[in-house]
Amino acid sequence: MEIENVPGKKFRGAVDGGEARLLYRRTADNDYDLVSTLVPQESRGKNIADQLVRFALQAAKNENVKVIATCPYVKHWFEKHPEERSILKTPSAQ
C-alpha cells in the first residue's frame, strides 16, 4: 500500500473497500495528535493500520516532533511496541 500524508489532516492509502486512514491534528508544539484510525471492512486483518501508524511515526521522526496517542488503536499499538515509546509525548509534557 502506498501511503500519503494529507498535511494537517490524515495519512491515507487506497485499499480494498476504499481508503484506509489515520486522522491527526497538529498541536501548538507541531506534534502529531493521532486521533482516529479507519480501515474498511474488506481490508481488516492485513496490518493496514499498523502500516499507517509506522508511517506516521516516521513522519514525526523526520520532523523531530512527538506523537500523542489519542486513538485507541494507536494506544494499543504502543503497548505492543514498547521500543517505539520514546516518540510518545507524555501527559505531563502536553
PDB file of N, CA and C in Angstrom:
ATOM      1  N   MET A   1       0.846  -1.182   0.000  1.00  0.00           N
ATOM      2  CA  MET A   1       0.000   0.000   0.000  1.00  0.00           C
ATOM      3  C   MET A   1       0.884   1.235   0.000  1.00  0.00           C
ATOM      4  N   GLU A   2       0.574   2.156  -0.857  1.00  0.00           N
ATOM      5  CA  GLU A   2       1.270   3.438  -0.873  1.00  0.00           C
ATOM      6  C   GLU A   2       0.520   4.409   0.036  1.00  0.00           C
ATOM      7  N   ILE A   3       1.236   4.997   0.966  1.00  0.00           N
ATOM      8  CA  ILE A   3       0.618   5.907   1.937  1.00  0.00           C
ATOM      9  C   ILE A   3       1.041   7.326   1.618  1.00  0.00           C
ATOM     10  N   GLU A   4       0.099   8.233   1.718  1.00  0.00           N
ATOM     11  CA  GLU A   4       0.423   9.646   1.528  1.00  0.00           C
ATOM     12  C   GLU A   4      -0.056  10.451   2.728  1.00  0.00           C
ATOM     13  N   ASN A   5       0.591  11.567   2.946  1.00  0.00           N
ATOM     14  CA  ASN A   5       0.229  12.484   4.010  1.00  0.00           C
ATOM     15  C   ASN A   5      -0.566  13.635   3.411  1.00  0.00           C
ATOM     16  N   VAL A   6      -1.778  13.822   3.872  1.00  0.00           N
ATOM     17  CA  VAL A   6      -2.564  14.995   3.520  1.00  0.00           C
ATOM     18  C   VAL A   6      -2.285  15.979   4.656  1.00  0.00           C
ATOM     19  N   PRO A   7      -1.387  16.949   4.434  1.00  0.00           N
ATOM     20  CA  PRO A   7      -0.874  17.781   5.524  1.00  0.00           C
ATOM     21  C   PRO A   7      -1.961  18.370   6.432  1.00  0.00           C
ATOM     22  N   GLY A   8      -1.734  18.157   7.732  1.00  0.00           N
ATOM     23  CA  GLY A   8      -2.634  18.690   8.745  1.00  0.00           C
ATOM     24  C   GLY A   8      -3.916  17.910   8.942  1.00  0.00           C
ATOM     25  N   LYS A   9      -4.081  16.796   8.213  1.00  0.00           N
ATOM     26  CA  LYS A   9      -5.357  16.082   8.273  1.00  0.00           C
ATOM     27  C   LYS A   9      -5.228  14.584   8.504  1.00  0.00           C
ATOM     28  N   LYS A  10      -4.528  13.880   7.576  1.00  0.00           N
ATOM     29  CA  LYS A  10      -4.533  12.422   7.666  1.00  0.00           C
ATOM     30  C   LYS A  10      -3.397  11.811   6.851  1.00  0.00           C
ATOM     31  N   PHE A  11      -3.093  10.589   7.230  1.00  0.00           N
ATOM     32  CA  PHE A  11      -2.275   9.702   6.418  1.00  0.00           C
ATOM     33  C   PHE A  11      -3.277   8.744   5.789  1.00  0.00           C
ATOM     34  N   ARG A  12      -3.132   8.490   4.485  1.00  0.00           N
ATOM     35  CA  ARG A  12      -4.131   7.659   3.823  1.00  0.00           C
ATOM     36  C   ARG A  12      -3.496   6.769   2.768  1.00  0.00           C
ATOM     37  N   GLY A  13      -4.224   5.696   2.468  1.00  0.00           N
ATOM     38  CA  GLY A  13      -3.810   4.788   1.416  1.00  0.00           C
ATOM     39  C   GLY A  13      -5.017   4.097   0.834  1.00  0.00           C
ATOM     40  N   ALA A  14      -4.939   3.801  -0.455  1.00  0.00           N
ATOM     41  CA  ALA A  14      -6.025   3.096  -1.133  1.00  0.00           C
ATOM     42  C   ALA A  14      -5.910   1.605  -0.840  1.00  0.00           C
ATOM     43  N   VAL A  15      -7.018   1.015  -0.420  1.00  0.00           N
ATOM     44  CA  VAL A  15      -7.076  -0.413  -0.086  1.00  0.00           C
ATOM     45  C   VAL A  15      -8.384  -0.992  -0.606  1.00  0.00           C
ATOM     46  N   ASP A  16      -8.500  -2.316  -0.550  1.00  0.00           N
ATOM     47  CA  ASP A  16      -9.772  -2.939  -0.906  1.00  0.00           C
ATOM     48  C   ASP A  16     -10.866  -2.347  -0.019  1.00  0.00           C
ATOM     49  N   GLY A  17     -11.927  -1.878  -0.624  1.00  0.00           N
ATOM     50  CA  GLY A  17     -13.034  -1.304   0.129  1.00  0.00           C
ATOM     51  C   GLY A  17     -12.979   0.198   0.266  1.00  0.00           C
ATOM     52  N   GLY A  18     -11.923   0.838  -0.249  1.00  0.00           N
ATOM     53  CA  GLY A  18     -11.862   2.298  -0.186  1.00  0.00           C
ATOM     54  C   GLY A  18     -10.549   2.840   0.340  1.00  0.00           C
ATOM     55  N   GLU A  19     -10.654   3.758   1.269  1.00  0.00           N
ATOM     56  CA  GLU A  19      -9.482   4.449   1.802  1.00  0.00           C
ATOM     57  C   GLU A  19      -9.248   4.060   3.258  1.00  0.00           C
ATOM     58  N   ALA A  20      -8.023   3.643   3.574  1.00  0.00           N
ATOM     59  CA  ALA A  20      -7.601   3.459   4.962  1.00  0.00           C
ATOM     60  C   ALA A  20      -6.990   4.787   5.388  1.00  0.00           C
ATOM     61  N   ARG A  21      -7.250   5.190   6.646  1.00  0.00           N
ATOM     62  CA  ARG A  21      -6.717   6.490   7.067  1.00  0.00           C
ATOM     63  C   ARG A  21      -6.446   6.537   8.559  1.00  0.00           C
ATOM     64  N   LEU A  22      -5.488   7.374   8.871  1.00  0.00           N
ATOM     65  CA  LEU A  22      -5.149   7.706  10.244  1.00  0.00           C
ATOM     66  C   LEU A  22      -5.267   9.215  10.343  1.00  0.00           C
ATOM     67  N   LEU A  23      -6.322   9.677  11.013  1.00  0.00           N
ATOM     68  CA  LEU A  23      -6.564  11.113  11.138  1.00  0.00           C
ATOM     69  C   LEU A  23      -5.690  11.685  12.242  1.00  0.00           C
ATOM     70  N   TYR A  24      -5.230  12.911  12.036  1.00  0.00           N
ATOM     71  CA  TYR A  24      -4.416  13.574  13.050  1.00  0.00           C
ATOM     72  C   TYR A  24      -4.660  15.070  13.047  1.00  0.00           C
ATOM     73  N   ARG A  25      -4.208  15.694  14.124  1.00  0.00           N
ATOM     74  CA  ARG A  25      -4.177  17.155  14.222  1.00  0.00           C
ATOM     75  C   ARG A  25      -2.765  17.526  14.612  1.00  0.00           C
ATOM     76  N   ARG A  26      -2.348  18.718  14.245  1.00  0.00           N
ATOM     77  CA  ARG A  26      -1.058  19.232  14.704  1.00  0.00           C
ATOM     78  C   ARG A  26      -1.327  20.078  15.945  1.00  0.00           C
ATOM     79  N   THR A  27      -0.514  19.894  16.953  1.00  0.00           N
ATOM     80  CA  THR A  27      -0.665  20.640  18.198  1.00  0.00           C
ATOM     81  C   THR A  27       0.060  21.979  18.096  1.00  0.00           C
ATOM     82  N   ALA A  28      -0.064  22.773  19.141  1.00  0.00           N
ATOM     83  CA  ALA A  28       0.636  24.058  19.190  1.00  0.00           C
ATOM     84  C   ALA A  28       2.149  23.869  19.104  1.00  0.00           C
ATOM     85  N   ASP A  29       2.633  22.717  19.584  1.00  0.00           N
ATOM     86  CA  ASP A  29       4.069  22.403  19.515  1.00  0.00           C
ATOM     87  C   ASP A  29       4.444  21.718  18.206  1.00  0.00           C
ATOM     88  N   ASN A  30       3.483  21.595  17.289  1.00  0.00           N
ATOM     89  CA  ASN A  30       3.649  20.958  15.993  1.00  0.00           C
ATOM     90  C   ASN A  30       3.743  19.432  16.076  1.00  0.00           C
ATOM     91  N   ASP A  31       3.419  18.860  17.244  1.00  0.00           N
ATOM     92  CA  ASP A  31       3.400  17.408  17.380  1.00  0.00           C
ATOM     93  C   ASP A  31       2.197  16.837  16.636  1.00  0.00           C
ATOM     94  N   TYR A  32       2.224  15.526  16.396  1.00  0.00           N
ATOM     95  CA  TYR A  32       1.104  14.830  15.766  1.00  0.00           C
ATOM     96  C   TYR A  32       0.207  14.236  16.836  1.00  0.00           C
ATOM     97  N   ASP A  33      -1.050  14.653  16.877  1.00  0.00           N
ATOM     98  CA  ASP A  33      -2.048  14.030  17.747  1.00  0.00           C
ATOM     99  C   ASP A  33      -2.819  13.051  16.870  1.00  0.00           C
ATOM    100  N   LEU A  34      -2.525  11.762  17.040  1.00  0.00           N
ATOM    101  CA  LEU A  34      -3.145  10.720  16.213  1.00  0.00           C
ATOM    102  C   LEU A  34      -4.499  10.376  16.824  1.00  0.00           C
ATOM    103  N   VAL A  35      -5.574  10.774  16.150  1.00  0.00           N
ATOM    104  CA  VAL A  35      -6.892  10.746  16.773  1.00  0.00           C
ATOM    105  C   VAL A  35      -7.814   9.606  16.354  1.00  0.00           C
ATOM    106  N   SER A  36      -7.661   9.059  15.156  1.00  0.00           N
ATOM    107  CA  SER A  36      -8.608   8.035  14.716  1.00  0.00           C
ATOM    108  C   SER A  36      -8.034   7.233  13.561  1.00  0.00           C
ATOM    109  N   THR A  37      -8.236   5.926  13.618  1.00  0.00           N
ATOM    110  CA  THR A  37      -7.799   5.024  12.550  1.00  0.00           C
ATOM    111  C   THR A  37      -9.031   4.355  11.953  1.00  0.00           C
ATOM    112  N   LEU A  38      -9.073   4.288  10.633  1.00  0.00           N
ATOM    113  CA  LEU A  38     -10.182   3.616   9.964  1.00  0.00           C
ATOM    114  C   LEU A  38      -9.640   2.771   8.820  1.00  0.00           C
ATOM    115  N   VAL A  39      -9.997   1.505   8.837  1.00  0.00           N
ATOM    116  CA  VAL A  39      -9.658   0.582   7.750  1.00  0.00           C
ATOM    117  C   VAL A  39     -10.974  -0.056   7.302  1.00  0.00           C
ATOM    118  N   PRO A  40     -11.281   0.003   5.994  1.00  0.00           N
ATOM    119  CA  PRO A  40     -12.519  -0.614   5.520  1.00  0.00           C
ATOM    120  C   PRO A  40     -12.585  -2.104   5.876  1.00  0.00           C
ATOM    121  N   GLN A  41     -13.779  -2.575   6.093  1.00  0.00           N
ATOM    122  CA  GLN A  41     -14.013  -3.972   6.487  1.00  0.00           C
ATOM    123  C   GLN A  41     -13.279  -4.958   5.583  1.00  0.00           C
ATOM    124  N   GLU A  42     -13.282  -4.696   4.292  1.00  0.00           N
ATOM    125  CA  GLU A  42     -12.674  -5.618   3.326  1.00  0.00           C
ATOM    126  C   GLU A  42     -11.156  -5.755   3.510  1.00  0.00           C
ATOM    127  N   SER A  43     -10.541  -4.798   4.166  1.00  0.00           N
ATOM    128  CA  SER A  43      -9.079  -4.808   4.310  1.00  0.00           C
ATOM    129  C   SER A  43      -8.607  -5.055   5.739  1.00  0.00           C
ATOM    130  N   ARG A  44      -9.508  -5.344   6.638  1.00  0.00           N
ATOM    131  CA  ARG A  44      -9.104  -5.587   8.017  1.00  0.00           C
ATOM    132  C   ARG A  44      -8.354  -6.908   8.134  1.00  0.00           C
ATOM    133  N   GLY A  45      -7.468  -6.976   9.115  1.00  0.00           N
ATOM    134  CA  GLY A  45      -6.683  -8.177   9.338  1.00  0.00           C
ATOM    135  C   GLY A  45      -5.466  -8.292   8.433  1.00  0.00           C
ATOM    136  N   LYS A  46      -5.111  -7.224   7.742  1.00  0.00           N
ATOM    137  CA  LYS A  46      -3.973  -7.228   6.808  1.00  0.00           C
ATOM    138  C   LYS A  46      -2.859  -6.276   7.252  1.00  0.00           C
ATOM    139  N   ASN A  47      -2.865  -5.892   8.512  1.00  0.00           N
ATOM    140  CA  ASN A  47      -1.848  -4.989   9.073  1.00  0.00           C
ATOM    141  C   ASN A  47      -1.822  -3.601   8.440  1.00  0.00           C
ATOM    142  N   ILE A  48      -2.961  -3.180   7.910  1.00  0.00           N
ATOM    143  CA  ILE A  48      -3.047  -1.865   7.279  1.00  0.00           C
ATOM    144  C   ILE A  48      -2.889  -0.757   8.327  1.00  0.00           C
ATOM    145  N   ALA A  49      -3.593  -0.878   9.449  1.00  0.00           N
ATOM    146  CA  ALA A  49      -3.496   0.149  10.497  1.00  0.00           C
ATOM    147  C   ALA A  49      -2.073   0.222  11.032  1.00  0.00           C
ATOM    148  N   ASP A  50      -1.413  -0.917  11.181  1.00  0.00           N
ATOM    149  CA  ASP A  50      -0.015  -0.945  11.612  1.00  0.00           C
ATOM    150  C   ASP A  50       0.856  -0.149  10.646  1.00  0.00           C
ATOM    151  N   GLN A  51       0.647  -0.332   9.359  1.00  0.00           N
ATOM    152  CA  GLN A  51       1.423   0.402   8.357  1.00  0.00           C
ATOM    153  C   GLN A  51       1.184   1.906   8.470  1.00  0.00           C
ATOM    154  N   LEU A  52      -0.059   2.301   8.703  1.00  0.00           N
ATOM    155  CA  LEU A  52      -0.374   3.720   8.856  1.00  0.00           C
ATOM    156  C   LEU A  52       0.331   4.314  10.075  1.00  0.00           C
ATOM    157  N   VAL A  53       0.305   3.597  11.191  1.00  0.00           N
ATOM    158  CA  VAL A  53       0.962   4.092  12.405  1.00  0.00           C
ATOM    159  C   VAL A  53       2.462   4.212  12.170  1.00  0.00           C
ATOM    160  N   ARG A  54       3.067   3.202  11.580  1.00  0.00           N
ATOM    161  CA  ARG A  54       4.514   3.248  11.327  1.00  0.00           C
ATOM    162  C   ARG A  54       4.881   4.407  10.404  1.00  0.00           C
ATOM    163  N   PHE A  55       4.038   4.676   9.414  1.00  0.00           N
ATOM    164  CA  PHE A  55       4.273   5.800   8.512  1.00  0.00           C
ATOM    165  C   PHE A  55       4.200   7.124   9.275  1.00  0.00           C
ATOM    166  N   ALA A  56       3.191   7.241  10.146  1.00  0.00           N
ATOM    167  CA  ALA A  56       3.037   8.464  10.948  1.00  0.00           C
ATOM    168  C   ALA A  56       4.239   8.660  11.868  1.00  0.00           C
ATOM    169  N   LEU A  57       4.712   7.587  12.484  1.00  0.00           N
ATOM    170  CA  LEU A  57       5.875   7.701  13.370  1.00  0.00           C
ATOM    171  C   LEU A  57       7.108   8.126  12.596  1.00  0.00           C
ATOM    172  N   GLN A  58       7.278   7.604  11.406  1.00  0.00           N
ATOM    173  CA  GLN A  58       8.431   8.010  10.602  1.00  0.00           C
ATOM    174  C   GLN A  58       8.335   9.482  10.220  1.00  0.00           C
ATOM    175  N   ALA A  59       7.135   9.938   9.903  1.00  0.00           N
ATOM    176  CA  ALA A  59       6.942  11.363   9.591  1.00  0.00           C
ATOM    177  C   ALA A  59       7.315  12.218  10.795  1.00  0.00           C
ATOM    178  N   ALA A  60       6.885  11.810  11.985  1.00  0.00           N
ATOM    179  CA  ALA A  60       7.213  12.557  13.202  1.00  0.00           C
ATOM    180  C   ALA A  60       8.714  12.552  13.454  1.00  0.00           C
ATOM    181  N   LYS A  61       9.347  11.397  13.277  1.00  0.00           N
ATOM    182  CA  LYS A  61      10.798  11.309  13.466  1.00  0.00           C
ATOM    183  C   LYS A  61      11.530  12.210  12.476  1.00  0.00           C
ATOM    184  N   ASN A  62      11.075  12.227  11.235  1.00  0.00           N
ATOM    185  CA  ASN A  62      11.704  13.065  10.210  1.00  0.00           C
ATOM    186  C   ASN A  62      11.612  14.546  10.573  1.00  0.00           C
ATOM    187  N   GLU A  63      10.541  14.926  11.267  1.00  0.00           N
ATOM    188  CA  GLU A  63      10.333  16.322  11.655  1.00  0.00           C
ATOM    189  C   GLU A  63      10.841  16.611  13.066  1.00  0.00           C
ATOM    190  N   ASN A  64      11.339  15.565  13.740  1.00  0.00           N
ATOM    191  CA  ASN A  64      11.842  15.700  15.118  1.00  0.00           C
ATOM    192  C   ASN A  64      10.767  16.235  16.067  1.00  0.00           C
ATOM    193  N   VAL A  65       9.555  15.659  15.954  1.00  0.00           N
ATOM    194  CA  VAL A  65       8.452  16.013  16.836  1.00  0.00           C
ATOM    195  C   VAL A  65       7.932  14.746  17.512  1.00  0.00           C
ATOM    196  N   LYS A  66       7.027  14.908  18.443  1.00  0.00           N
ATOM    197  CA  LYS A  66       6.444  13.799  19.197  1.00  0.00           C
ATOM    198  C   LYS A  66       5.061  13.460  18.655  1.00  0.00           C
ATOM    199  N   VAL A  67       4.512  12.345  19.156  1.00  0.00           N
ATOM    200  CA  VAL A  67       3.137  11.970  18.829  1.00  0.00           C
ATOM    201  C   VAL A  67       2.339  11.814  20.118  1.00  0.00           C
ATOM    202  N   ILE A  68       1.053  12.061  20.014  1.00  0.00           N
ATOM    203  CA  ILE A  68       0.107  11.859  21.101  1.00  0.00           C
ATOM    204  C   ILE A  68      -0.838  10.763  20.632  1.00  0.00           C
ATOM    205  N   ALA A  69      -0.994   9.737  21.447  1.00  0.00           N
ATOM    206  CA  ALA A  69      -1.819   8.585  21.074  1.00  0.00           C
ATOM    207  C   ALA A  69      -3.231   8.743  21.616  1.00  0.00           C
ATOM    208  N   THR A  70      -4.036   9.554  20.953  1.00  0.00           N
ATOM    209  CA  THR A  70      -5.429   9.739  21.340  1.00  0.00           C
ATOM    210  C   THR A  70      -6.283   8.565  20.850  1.00  0.00           C
ATOM    211  N   CYS A  71      -5.988   8.063  19.679  1.00  0.00           N
ATOM    212  CA  CYS A  71      -6.727   6.947  19.082  1.00  0.00           C
ATOM    213  C   CYS A  71      -6.517   5.668  19.889  1.00  0.00           C
ATOM    214  N   PRO A  72      -7.592   4.951  20.222  1.00  0.00           N
ATOM    215  CA  PRO A  72      -7.442   3.694  20.972  1.00  0.00           C
ATOM    216  C   PRO A  72      -6.543   2.669  20.276  1.00  0.00           C
ATOM    217  N   TYR A  73      -6.646   2.575  18.953  1.00  0.00           N
ATOM    218  CA  TYR A  73      -5.777   1.626  18.243  1.00  0.00           C
ATOM    219  C   TYR A  73      -4.313   2.009  18.422  1.00  0.00           C
ATOM    220  N   VAL A  74      -4.003   3.289  18.309  1.00  0.00           N
ATOM    221  CA  VAL A  74      -2.614   3.747  18.436  1.00  0.00           C
ATOM    222  C   VAL A  74      -2.110   3.494  19.863  1.00  0.00           C
ATOM    223  N   LYS A  75      -2.950   3.725  20.860  1.00  0.00           N
ATOM    224  CA  LYS A  75      -2.563   3.420  22.250  1.00  0.00           C
ATOM    225  C   LYS A  75      -2.212   1.949  22.385  1.00  0.00           C
ATOM    226  N   HIS A  76      -3.057   1.088  21.840  1.00  0.00           N
ATOM    227  CA  HIS A  76      -2.816  -0.352  21.896  1.00  0.00           C
ATOM    228  C   HIS A  76      -1.546  -0.718  21.123  1.00  0.00           C
ATOM    229  N   TRP A  77      -1.320  -0.067  19.998  1.00  0.00           N
ATOM    230  CA  TRP A  77      -0.132  -0.324  19.185  1.00  0.00           C
ATOM    231  C   TRP A  77       1.134  -0.061  20.012  1.00  0.00           C
ATOM    232  N   PHE A  78       1.157   1.040  20.754  1.00  0.00           N
ATOM    233  CA  PHE A  78       2.323   1.357  21.580  1.00  0.00           C
ATOM    234  C   PHE A  78       2.507   0.344  22.709  1.00  0.00           C
ATOM    235  N   GLU A  79       1.428  -0.230  23.213  1.00  0.00           N
ATOM    236  CA  GLU A  79       1.557  -1.284  24.223  1.00  0.00           C
ATOM    237  C   GLU A  79       2.261  -2.503  23.636  1.00  0.00           C
ATOM    238  N   LYS A  80       2.006  -2.792  22.366  1.00  0.00           N
ATOM    239  CA  LYS A  80       2.629  -3.932  21.700  1.00  0.00           C
ATOM    240  C   LYS A  80       4.038  -3.630  21.189  1.00  0.00           C
ATOM    241  N   HIS A  81       4.377  -2.349  21.104  1.00  0.00           N
ATOM    242  CA  HIS A  81       5.681  -1.927  20.558  1.00  0.00           C
ATOM    243  C   HIS A  81       6.367  -0.944  21.507  1.00  0.00           C
ATOM    244  N   PRO A  82       6.751  -1.415  22.691  1.00  0.00           N
ATOM    245  CA  PRO A  82       7.357  -0.507  23.680  1.00  0.00           C
ATOM    246  C   PRO A  82       8.663   0.119  23.199  1.00  0.00           C
ATOM    247  N   GLU A  83       9.314  -0.500  22.233  1.00  0.00           N
ATOM    248  CA  GLU A  83      10.561   0.053  21.705  1.00  0.00           C
ATOM    249  C   GLU A  83      10.356   1.399  21.006  1.00  0.00           C
ATOM    250  N   GLU A  84       9.124   1.721  20.676  1.00  0.00           N
ATOM    251  CA  GLU A  84       8.817   2.989  19.997  1.00  0.00           C
ATOM    252  C   GLU A  84       8.297   4.069  20.944  1.00  0.00           C
ATOM    253  N   ARG A  85       8.164   3.773  22.204  1.00  0.00           N
ATOM    254  CA  ARG A  85       7.533   4.721  23.143  1.00  0.00           C
ATOM    255  C   ARG A  85       8.284   6.027  23.328  1.00  0.00           C
ATOM    256  N   SER A  86       9.544   6.073  22.971  1.00  0.00           N
ATOM    257  CA  SER A  86      10.322   7.313  23.161  1.00  0.00           C
ATOM    258  C   SER A  86       9.760   8.477  22.330  1.00  0.00           C
ATOM    259  N   ILE A  87       8.978   8.168  21.313  1.00  0.00           N
ATOM    260  CA  ILE A  87       8.402   9.238  20.477  1.00  0.00           C
ATOM    261  C   ILE A  87       7.081   9.759  21.052  1.00  0.00           C
ATOM    262  N   LEU A  88       6.539   9.063  22.043  1.00  0.00           N
ATOM    263  CA  LEU A  88       5.277   9.494  22.659  1.00  0.00           C
ATOM    264  C   LEU A  88       5.488  10.735  23.513  1.00  0.00           C
ATOM    265  N   LYS A  89       4.557  11.642  23.410  1.00  0.00           N
ATOM    266  CA  LYS A  89       4.565  12.815  24.281  1.00  0.00           C
ATOM    267  C   LYS A  89       3.855  12.413  25.571  1.00  0.00           C
ATOM    268  N   THR A  90       4.523  12.560  26.673  1.00  0.00           N
ATOM    269  CA  THR A  90       3.948  12.149  27.956  1.00  0.00           C
ATOM    270  C   THR A  90       2.873  13.132  28.396  1.00  0.00           C
ATOM    271  N   PRO A  91       1.867  12.670  29.151  1.00  0.00           N
ATOM    272  CA  PRO A  91       0.782  13.560  29.567  1.00  0.00           C
ATOM    273  C   PRO A  91       1.271  14.819  30.289  1.00  0.00           C
ATOM    274  N   SER A  92       2.300  14.697  31.105  1.00  0.00           N
ATOM    275  CA  SER A  92       2.799  15.871  31.827  1.00  0.00           C
ATOM    276  C   SER A  92       3.459  16.877  30.897  1.00  0.00           C
ATOM    277  N   ALA A  93       3.866  16.419  29.707  1.00  0.00           N
ATOM    278  CA  ALA A  93       4.533  17.305  28.753  1.00  0.00           C
ATOM    279  C   ALA A  93       3.557  17.925  27.761  1.00  0.00           C
ATOM    280  N   GLN A  94       2.277  17.563  27.825  1.00  0.00           N
ATOM    281  CA  GLN A  94       1.296  18.069  26.864  1.00  0.00           C
ATOM    282  C   GLN A  94       0.830  19.448  27.220  1.00  0.00           C
TER     283      GLN A  94
END
